Amino acid sequence: MASGATLGDRFRSSGRRVTDVGWVGPLAGAIGGLCLAVLLQYIGPATSASANSATVQDSRQGIWSGLALLFTGLSVVLAVVTLTAQNTSNQFSPRLLRIKMMALSERMVLIAFSFAATYIITELFLQRSQAGDELARPLSMLVGLALLVCSAVILVVHISRTLQFIRIDRTLNWIGGLIISAGRHVAHEYRDFAAVPISAFEPQPGAVEVFAMSSGYVWNVQAGHLCRLASDYDVVVTIDVLPGQLVTAGDRLGWIAGNQGAVDNSKAPESVAQSIELARAKNSRKDIGHDIRLLVDIALRALSPGINDPHTASQSVEQLIFQLRPLAESHPGPRGWASDGGPPVVLVMMPTLGELVDYAARRVLLYGASDPIVTDVLLRLAQELDRVGLTEDDRRVARELTKDIVEQQKLCSSGEFKDET
């Protein structure tokens, strides 16, 4: 990337939001605590002698005690997080751990800690010029106490949620939520697009190919920008790379063709290539398949000889069954945009519901074909796809899956099955 690239350009190229960066939250909390302490120092009510008044010396002792409690609580959280991270990586999938740690809710402990610690330290700094027997400001002390209580509550809640994440049912439900969230995001992003057949992606005569200008994973297609380009240049724009697909500089991303003949603008292919945002890591926010692969990872790890836990594998497949109907409502699959009711002029390739299910089912069937628990739940998955499938292709995939699974069950029951893995 050029040295003159802005911070926003770097975030877009990495496929991350500002909130995904680990230090942004704690920095914002520290700035908030600093500003609150200074603000209360100048606008808070004046000190007054009463039975409940405390001196500056008492306040300083309370500040040091509060800091000790904060750091003790943080050390406990770090120990629990380390234990959970190790168990999650061994039991589930390292990719799952990466997504979990990127969630903003997982960094609330550091945000709350930095806010409270900065406030308390700032209060200690502001009291440096006061004599120990002077009266302390009551509002500042009350706010500091409230921050300690809030921090303690956040620490306890975070520890409880972190430990609960080890439970397989909670983890699978969380992944199911990611799948639905990604599906809804895609549906919102392409709300003005309609379903199109795969045959629409065949290059037209005279089409000009679009090539990647850099390397990375496809994480976002700027649909609105492509629609404007198609209208401005009077071309048909087709993107046939899938979300999450790895491309390198020079790889084909798609093609463009002129509505009235050859493309007469040399900048059109470059403009289209710039509309495909690449990231240095796969991103689950806009890739339904990425979250489904997390379920497959858990199922395959459970089916490995070292673990041999078909019940966990079946639970992973059952979670996908639960999400099929709401996922079908987001209408995954190739999409096209047309202006003024004409033929589609912007085509974007996305996996169909049948392709997503076929990948997951066949990977699990490859390693769990000899276990009746696994094959039974895979059969239920194929039946659910046949019930909620959006197209005839989806139902065809369901019928083929059903046929293959039934054949595997017959082989196992007759004793002819041979595990070739």
Protein backbone atom coordinates (compact mmCIF):
# COMPACT_ATOMS: atom_id res chain seq x y z
CA MET A 1 0.00 0.00 0.00
CA ALA A 2 1.22 3.47 -0.79
CA SER A 3 2.75 5.44 2.03
CA GLY A 4 0.17 8.20 1.52
CA ALA A 5 -2.79 5.92 2.21
CA THR A 6 -5.14 7.18 4.88
CA LEU A 7 -6.04 5.30 8.03
CA GLY A 8 -9.50 4.66 6.60
CA ASP A 9 -7.97 3.12 3.48
CA ARG A 10 -5.89 0.77 5.62
CA PHE A 11 -8.93 -0.36 7.58
CA ARG A 12 -10.89 -0.98 4.37
CA SER A 13 -8.02 -2.98 2.89
CA SER A 14 -7.80 -5.12 6.00
CA GLY A 15 -11.54 -5.83 6.10
CA ARG A 16 -11.90 -4.41 9.60
CA ARG A 17 -13.88 -1.70 11.29
CA VAL A 18 -12.31 0.76 13.68
CA THR A 19 -14.05 -1.04 16.56
CA ASP A 20 -12.26 -4.27 15.58
CA VAL A 21 -8.90 -2.79 16.63
CA GLY A 22 -8.02 -3.86 20.15
CA TRP A 23 -6.58 -0.58 21.43
CA VAL A 24 -9.44 1.69 20.27
CA GLY A 25 -11.85 0.70 23.06
CA PRO A 26 -9.39 1.02 25.98
CA LEU A 27 -8.11 4.31 24.57
CA ALA A 28 -11.65 5.69 24.37
CA GLY A 29 -12.29 4.52 27.94
CA ALA A 30 -9.11 6.20 29.19
CA ILE A 31 -10.02 9.48 27.50
CA GLY A 32 -13.52 9.28 28.96
CA GLY A 33 -12.21 8.70 32.50
CA LEU A 34 -9.74 11.57 32.18
CA CYS A 35 -12.39 13.98 30.94
CA LEU A 36 -14.86 12.98 33.66
CA ALA A 37 -12.33 13.47 36.45
CA VAL A 38 -11.31 16.91 35.19
CA LEU A 39 -14.93 17.92 34.62
CA LEU A 40 -16.02 16.97 38.13
CA GLN A 41 -13.04 18.81 39.58
CA TYR A 42 -14.32 22.11 38.22
CA ILE A 43 -18.10 21.76 38.17
CA GLY A 44 -18.66 19.58 41.21
CA PRO A 45 -20.21 21.04 44.38
CA ALA A 46 -17.93 22.61 46.94
CA THR A 47 -16.85 20.65 49.98
CA SER A 48 -18.82 21.09 53.19
CA ALA A 49 -18.19 19.79 56.68
CA SER A 50 -20.61 17.09 57.84
CA ALA A 51 -20.65 13.85 59.73
CA ASN A 52 -19.99 11.95 56.52
CA SER A 53 -17.21 14.16 55.23
CA ALA A 54 -13.88 12.56 54.30
CA THR A 55 -10.45 14.12 54.17
CA VAL A 56 -8.09 14.13 51.22
CA GLN A 57 -5.91 11.61 53.05
CA ASP A 58 -8.88 9.24 53.36
CA SER A 59 -9.62 9.78 49.67
CA ARG A 60 -6.04 8.92 48.70
CA GLN A 61 -6.15 5.72 50.70
CA GLY A 62 -9.43 4.81 49.03
CA ILE A 63 -7.93 5.51 45.62
CA TRP A 64 -5.01 3.14 46.21
CA SER A 65 -7.38 0.46 47.50
CA GLY A 66 -9.59 0.90 44.44
CA LEU A 67 -6.62 0.55 42.09
CA ALA A 68 -5.53 -2.62 43.88
CA LEU A 69 -9.02 -4.09 43.50
CA LEU A 70 -9.15 -3.16 39.82
CA PHE A 71 -5.84 -4.80 39.00
CA THR A 72 -6.71 -7.89 41.04
CA GLY A 73 -10.00 -8.26 39.17
CA LEU A 74 -8.24 -7.79 35.84
CA SER A 75 -5.71 -10.50 36.66
CA VAL A 76 -8.55 -12.92 37.47
CA VAL A 77 -10.24 -12.09 34.14
CA LEU A 78 -7.03 -12.64 32.21
CA ALA A 79 -6.53 -16.02 33.87
CA VAL A 80 -10.09 -17.11 33.01
CA VAL A 81 -9.78 -15.84 29.43
CA THR A 82 -6.51 -17.70 28.96
CA LEU A 83 -8.05 -20.95 30.23
CA THR A 84 -11.12 -20.50 28.03
CA ALA A 85 -9.03 -19.65 24.97
CA GLN A 86 -6.99 -22.82 25.40
CA ASN A 87 -10.08 -24.99 25.81
CA THR A 88 -11.87 -23.31 22.89
CA SER A 89 -8.92 -23.80 20.58
CA ASN A 90 -8.55 -27.48 21.54
CA GLN A 91 -12.24 -28.38 21.68
CA PHE A 92 -13.72 -26.27 18.90
CA SER A 93 -11.66 -24.31 16.36
CA PRO A 94 -8.92 -21.66 16.40
CA ARG A 95 -10.95 -19.67 13.86
CA LEU A 96 -13.81 -19.53 16.33
CA LEU A 97 -11.48 -18.08 18.97
CA ARG A 98 -10.37 -15.33 16.58
CA ILE A 99 -13.94 -14.24 15.85
CA LYS A 100 -14.89 -14.37 19.53
CA MET A 101 -11.97 -12.20 20.60
CA MET A 102 -12.74 -9.65 17.87
CA ALA A 103 -16.24 -9.04 19.24
CA LEU A 104 -16.64 -5.65 20.87
CA SER A 105 -18.50 -7.17 23.82
CA GLU A 106 -15.40 -9.23 24.67
CA ARG A 107 -13.38 -6.04 25.15
CA MET A 108 -15.83 -4.37 27.52
CA VAL A 109 -13.71 -5.44 30.48
CA LEU A 110 -10.68 -3.53 29.19
CA ILE A 111 -12.84 -0.52 28.32
CA ALA A 112 -14.40 -0.44 31.80
CA PHE A 113 -11.02 -1.02 33.46
CA SER A 114 -9.31 1.76 31.49
CA PHE A 115 -12.18 4.16 32.22
CA ALA A 116 -12.21 3.51 35.97
CA ALA A 117 -8.42 3.30 36.36
CA THR A 118 -7.83 6.54 34.43
CA TYR A 119 -10.50 8.33 36.45
CA ILE A 120 -8.99 7.19 39.76
CA ILE A 121 -5.41 7.99 38.75
CA THR A 122 -6.48 11.43 37.51
CA GLU A 123 -8.22 12.08 40.82
CA LEU A 124 -5.01 11.16 42.64
CA PHE A 125 -3.05 13.54 40.42
CA LEU A 126 -5.50 16.39 40.99
CA GLN A 127 -5.27 15.94 44.76
CA ARG A 128 -1.48 16.21 44.83
CA SER A 129 -1.54 19.91 45.77
CA GLN A 130 -4.09 19.50 48.59
CA ALA A 131 -3.23 19.01 52.20
CA GLY A 132 -4.11 15.67 53.73
CA ASP A 133 -6.44 17.16 56.34
CA GLU A 134 -8.53 19.10 53.80
CA LEU A 135 -12.01 17.88 52.94
CA ALA A 136 -12.35 15.88 49.72
CA ARG A 137 -14.99 16.63 47.11
CA PRO A 138 -17.95 14.31 47.83
CA LEU A 139 -19.15 13.98 44.22
CA SER A 140 -15.73 12.85 43.00
CA MET A 141 -15.60 10.18 45.68
CA LEU A 142 -19.13 8.97 44.92
CA VAL A 143 -18.38 8.71 41.21
CA GLY A 144 -15.18 6.79 41.93
CA LEU A 145 -17.09 4.38 44.17
CA ALA A 146 -19.79 3.95 41.52
CA LEU A 147 -17.15 3.18 38.89
CA LEU A 148 -15.59 0.54 41.13
CA VAL A 149 -18.97 -1.13 41.65
CA CYS A 150 -19.76 -1.04 37.91
CA SER A 151 -16.34 -2.44 37.09
CA ALA A 152 -16.83 -5.27 39.58
CA VAL A 153 -20.21 -6.13 38.05
CA ILE A 154 -18.74 -6.12 34.53
CA LEU A 155 -15.86 -8.34 35.67
CA VAL A 156 -18.22 -10.90 37.25
CA VAL A 157 -20.55 -10.92 34.23
CA HIS A 158 -17.64 -11.29 31.84
CA ILE A 159 -16.14 -14.19 33.80
CA SER A 160 -19.52 -15.92 33.86
CA ARG A 161 -20.06 -15.44 30.12
CA THR A 162 -16.53 -16.57 29.32
CA LEU A 163 -16.91 -19.77 31.30
CA GLN A 164 -20.31 -20.42 29.72
CA PHE A 165 -18.70 -20.20 26.29
CA ILE A 166 -17.03 -23.55 26.94
CA ARG A 167 -20.48 -25.19 26.83
CA ILE A 168 -21.07 -26.69 23.40
CA ASP A 169 -24.74 -25.67 23.22
CA ARG A 170 -23.97 -22.02 23.98
CA THR A 171 -21.16 -21.99 21.44
CA LEU A 172 -23.29 -23.54 18.71
CA ASN A 173 -26.15 -21.14 19.39
CA TRP A 174 -23.72 -18.24 19.14
CA ILE A 175 -22.45 -19.49 15.77
CA GLY A 176 -26.04 -19.89 14.62
CA GLY A 177 -26.61 -16.24 15.45
CA LEU A 178 -23.56 -15.34 13.35
CA ILE A 179 -25.00 -17.24 10.38
CA ILE A 180 -28.34 -15.43 10.57
CA SER A 181 -26.63 -12.08 11.09
CA ALA A 182 -24.48 -12.58 7.98
CA GLY A 183 -27.54 -13.66 5.99
CA ARG A 184 -29.48 -10.56 7.01
CA HIS A 185 -26.55 -8.35 6.17
CA VAL A 186 -26.33 -9.83 2.68
CA ALA A 187 -30.09 -9.46 2.22
CA HIS A 188 -29.90 -5.80 3.24
CA GLU A 189 -26.84 -5.13 1.07
CA TYR A 190 -28.57 -6.56 -2.02
CA ARG A 191 -32.14 -5.54 -1.24
CA ASP A 192 -32.49 -3.96 -4.71
CA PHE A 193 -31.15 -7.09 -6.45
CA ALA A 194 -33.15 -10.08 -7.69
CA ALA A 195 -32.22 -13.73 -8.02
CA VAL A 196 -30.63 -14.67 -11.36
CA PRO A 197 -29.63 -18.06 -12.86
CA ILE A 198 -26.03 -19.20 -13.07
CA SER A 199 -26.25 -19.07 -16.86
CA ALA A 200 -26.40 -15.25 -16.68
CA PHE A 201 -22.72 -15.21 -15.70
CA GLU A 202 -21.52 -16.61 -19.03
CA PRO A 203 -19.30 -13.94 -20.68
CA GLN A 204 -20.94 -12.02 -23.48
CA PRO A 205 -19.25 -11.56 -26.87
CA GLY A 206 -16.61 -8.86 -26.65
CA ALA A 207 -16.52 -8.91 -22.86
CA VAL A 208 -13.47 -7.42 -21.14
CA GLU A 209 -12.13 -9.32 -18.14
CA VAL A 210 -11.60 -7.57 -14.80
CA PHE A 211 -8.45 -8.51 -12.87
CA ALA A 212 -7.53 -8.05 -9.21
CA MET A 213 -5.13 -5.20 -8.49
CA SER A 214 -3.89 -6.69 -5.19
CA SER A 215 -4.04 -9.90 -3.17
CA GLY A 216 -6.37 -10.89 -0.37
CA TYR A 217 -9.71 -12.44 0.51
CA VAL A 218 -12.88 -11.07 -1.06
CA TRP A 219 -14.79 -9.56 1.84
CA ASN A 220 -17.00 -6.88 0.30
CA VAL A 221 -18.49 -6.04 -3.08
CA GLN A 222 -19.62 -2.43 -3.24
CA ALA A 223 -22.95 -3.14 -4.87
CA GLY A 224 -24.09 0.47 -4.98
CA HIS A 225 -20.86 1.58 -6.61
CA LEU A 226 -21.16 -1.15 -9.26
CA CYS A 227 -24.69 -0.02 -10.07
CA ARG A 228 -23.49 3.54 -10.59
CA LEU A 229 -20.60 2.35 -12.77
CA ALA A 230 -22.96 0.27 -14.91
CA SER A 231 -25.18 3.30 -15.44
CA ASP A 232 -22.35 5.80 -16.03
CA TYR A 233 -20.39 3.61 -18.47
CA ASP A 234 -23.46 1.89 -19.98
CA VAL A 235 -21.99 -1.58 -19.41
CA VAL A 236 -22.94 -4.93 -17.93
CA VAL A 237 -20.80 -5.68 -14.86
CA THR A 238 -20.39 -9.25 -13.66
CA ILE A 239 -18.52 -10.32 -10.51
CA ASP A 240 -18.09 -14.09 -10.33
CA VAL A 241 -15.76 -14.47 -7.33
CA LEU A 242 -17.34 -15.70 -4.11
CA PRO A 243 -17.20 -14.00 -0.69
CA GLY A 244 -14.15 -15.19 1.23
CA GLN A 245 -12.40 -16.43 -1.91
CA LEU A 246 -8.64 -15.91 -2.06
CA VAL A 247 -7.41 -13.90 -5.04
CA THR A 248 -3.96 -12.65 -5.93
CA ALA A 249 -2.93 -9.73 -8.07
CA GLY A 250 -3.82 -10.53 -11.67
CA ASP A 251 -6.57 -13.06 -10.88
CA ARG A 252 -9.84 -12.75 -12.74
CA LEU A 253 -12.66 -11.12 -10.78
CA GLY A 254 -15.30 -10.99 -13.49
CA TRP A 255 -16.02 -9.21 -16.76
CA ILE A 256 -17.74 -6.19 -18.24
CA ALA A 257 -19.41 -5.82 -21.59
CA GLY A 258 -20.93 -2.83 -23.34
CA ASN A 259 -24.67 -2.69 -23.82
CA GLN A 260 -24.16 -1.15 -27.25
CA GLY A 261 -21.10 -3.13 -28.27
CA ALA A 262 -17.48 -2.98 -27.12
CA VAL A 263 -16.49 -1.22 -23.92
CA ASP A 264 -15.31 2.23 -24.98
CA ASN A 265 -13.93 3.40 -21.64
CA SER A 266 -10.48 2.15 -20.60
CA LYS A 267 -11.04 3.12 -16.96
CA ALA A 268 -14.11 0.94 -16.55
CA PRO A 269 -12.26 -2.34 -15.68
CA GLU A 270 -10.05 -0.57 -13.14
CA SER A 271 -13.06 1.14 -11.54
CA VAL A 272 -14.84 -2.21 -11.24
CA ALA A 273 -11.75 -3.85 -9.70
CA GLN A 274 -11.58 -1.08 -7.10
CA SER A 275 -15.16 -1.89 -6.09
CA ILE A 276 -14.06 -5.34 -4.87
CA GLU A 277 -12.62 -4.87 -1.39
CA LEU A 278 -10.00 -7.40 -0.32
CA ALA A 279 -8.93 -8.22 3.24
CA ARG A 280 -5.86 -9.84 4.73
CA ALA A 281 -8.02 -12.28 6.70
CA LYS A 282 -11.36 -13.94 6.17
CA ASN A 283 -14.29 -12.05 7.62
CA SER A 284 -17.51 -13.62 8.89
CA ARG A 285 -19.55 -10.43 8.83
CA LYS A 286 -20.40 -10.70 5.13
CA ASP A 287 -19.65 -14.33 4.38
CA ILE A 288 -22.36 -16.85 5.26
CA GLY A 289 -20.15 -19.75 4.24
CA HIS A 290 -17.47 -18.73 6.73
CA ASP A 291 -19.82 -19.19 9.69
CA ILE A 292 -21.16 -22.48 8.33
CA ARG A 293 -17.56 -23.70 8.04
CA LEU A 294 -17.20 -23.01 11.76
CA LEU A 295 -19.93 -25.58 12.44
CA VAL A 296 -18.16 -28.00 10.09
CA ASP A 297 -14.87 -27.42 11.93
CA ILE A 298 -16.47 -28.35 15.25
CA ALA A 299 -18.12 -31.44 13.76
CA LEU A 300 -14.91 -32.68 12.13
CA ARG A 301 -12.87 -32.10 15.27
CA ALA A 302 -15.45 -34.06 17.26
CA LEU A 303 -15.26 -36.91 14.75
CA SER A 304 -11.46 -37.12 14.88
CA PRO A 305 -10.07 -40.39 16.33
CA GLY A 306 -8.59 -38.59 19.32
CA ILE A 307 -11.97 -37.21 20.44
CA ASN A 308 -14.55 -39.55 18.84
CA ASP A 309 -17.64 -37.59 19.93
CA PRO A 310 -20.40 -38.13 17.35
CA HIS A 311 -22.99 -36.45 19.58
CA THR A 312 -21.17 -33.12 19.36
CA ALA A 313 -20.89 -33.57 15.60
CA SER A 314 -24.63 -34.21 15.35
CA GLN A 315 -25.33 -31.10 17.45
CA SER A 316 -23.31 -29.02 15.00
CA VAL A 317 -25.38 -30.33 12.08
CA GLU A 318 -28.60 -29.80 14.05
CA GLN A 319 -27.66 -26.16 14.56
CA LEU A 320 -27.43 -25.78 10.78
CA ILE A 321 -30.85 -27.41 10.45
CA PHE A 322 -32.29 -24.84 12.86
CA GLN A 323 -30.88 -21.98 10.80
CA LEU A 324 -31.89 -23.20 7.33
CA ARG A 325 -35.37 -21.66 7.27
CA PRO A 326 -34.35 -18.16 8.47
CA LEU A 327 -31.31 -18.38 6.20
CA ALA A 328 -33.56 -19.18 3.24
CA GLU A 329 -35.55 -16.03 4.02
CA SER A 330 -32.44 -13.96 3.25
CA HIS A 331 -32.43 -15.45 -0.30
CA PRO A 332 -28.77 -16.45 -0.74
CA GLY A 333 -27.50 -17.12 -4.25
CA PRO A 334 -26.50 -15.16 -7.36
CA ARG A 335 -28.07 -11.72 -7.53
CA GLY A 336 -28.65 -9.22 -10.32
CA TRP A 337 -29.63 -5.55 -10.54
CA ALA A 338 -31.54 -4.06 -13.42
CA SER A 339 -32.38 -0.42 -14.10
CA ASP A 340 -35.81 0.60 -15.39
CA GLY A 341 -37.08 -2.96 -15.55
CA GLY A 342 -34.61 -4.09 -18.21
CA PRO A 343 -32.24 -7.06 -18.14
CA PRO A 344 -29.73 -7.25 -15.26
CA VAL A 345 -26.68 -5.03 -15.76
CA VAL A 346 -24.92 -5.87 -12.48
CA LEU A 347 -24.44 -9.52 -11.55
CA VAL A 348 -22.84 -10.67 -8.29
CA MET A 349 -22.01 -14.31 -7.60
CA MET A 350 -22.89 -15.73 -4.18
CA PRO A 351 -23.29 -19.34 -3.00
CA THR A 352 -26.78 -20.79 -3.12
CA LEU A 353 -28.47 -22.41 -0.15
CA GLY A 354 -27.93 -25.82 -1.75
CA GLU A 355 -24.20 -25.20 -2.25
CA LEU A 356 -23.77 -24.14 1.37
CA VAL A 357 -25.56 -27.20 2.69
CA ASP A 358 -23.86 -29.55 0.22
CA TYR A 359 -20.40 -28.42 1.36
CA ALA A 360 -21.21 -28.87 5.03
CA ALA A 361 -23.03 -32.20 4.66
CA ARG A 362 -20.46 -33.89 2.44
CA ARG A 363 -17.53 -32.85 4.61
CA VAL A 364 -19.21 -34.30 7.70
CA LEU A 365 -20.35 -37.39 5.78
CA LEU A 366 -16.77 -38.03 4.63
CA TYR A 367 -15.59 -38.54 8.21
CA GLY A 368 -18.80 -39.67 9.90
CA ALA A 369 -20.34 -42.04 7.36
CA SER A 370 -19.82 -45.05 9.63
CA ASP A 371 -21.74 -43.58 12.57
CA PRO A 372 -25.55 -43.88 12.47
CA ILE A 373 -25.96 -40.85 14.73
CA VAL A 374 -24.19 -38.67 12.19
CA THR A 375 -25.88 -40.10 9.11
CA ASP A 376 -29.34 -39.77 10.67
CA VAL A 377 -28.88 -36.07 11.39
CA LEU A 378 -27.38 -35.51 7.93
CA LEU A 379 -30.47 -37.13 6.45
CA ARG A 380 -32.60 -34.69 8.44
CA LEU A 381 -30.49 -31.84 7.03
CA ALA A 382 -31.10 -32.99 3.46
CA GLN A 383 -34.84 -33.29 4.12
CA GLU A 384 -34.95 -29.78 5.57
CA LEU A 385 -33.14 -28.42 2.52
CA ASP A 386 -35.70 -30.13 0.29
CA ARG A 387 -38.46 -28.46 2.33
CA VAL A 388 -37.12 -24.88 2.42
CA GLY A 389 -35.04 -24.83 -0.79
CA LEU A 390 -35.51 -21.74 -2.90
CA THR A 391 -34.84 -23.21 -6.33
CA GLU A 392 -35.01 -26.50 -8.16
CA ASP A 393 -31.20 -26.69 -7.89
CA ASP A 394 -31.48 -26.60 -4.10
CA ARG A 395 -34.00 -29.44 -4.15
CA ARG A 396 -31.83 -31.39 -6.59
CA VAL A 397 -28.90 -31.08 -4.15
CA ALA A 398 -31.19 -32.30 -1.36
CA ARG A 399 -32.26 -35.36 -3.36
CA GLU A 400 -28.66 -36.24 -4.27
CA LEU A 401 -27.57 -35.86 -0.64
CA THR A 402 -30.43 -38.06 0.52
CA LYS A 403 -29.51 -40.73 -2.00
CA ASP A 404 -25.83 -40.75 -1.00
CA ILE A 405 -26.58 -40.80 2.72
CA VAL A 406 -29.06 -43.67 2.38
CA GLU A 407 -26.48 -45.64 0.39
CA GLN A 408 -23.91 -45.10 3.13
CA GLN A 409 -26.42 -46.29 5.74
CA LYS A 410 -27.11 -49.44 3.73
CA LEU A 411 -23.40 -50.15 3.37
CA CYS A 412 -22.88 -49.74 7.12
CA SER A 413 -25.83 -51.95 8.01
CA SER A 414 -24.65 -54.69 5.64
CA GLY A 415 -21.08 -54.50 6.95
CA GLU A 416 -19.65 -53.59 3.56
CA PHE A 417 -18.58 -50.09 4.53
CA LYS A 418 -14.85 -49.56 4.61
CA ASP A 419 -13.41 -46.44 6.17
CA GLU A 420 -10.89 -45.12 3.64
CA THR A 421 -9.91 -42.08 5.69
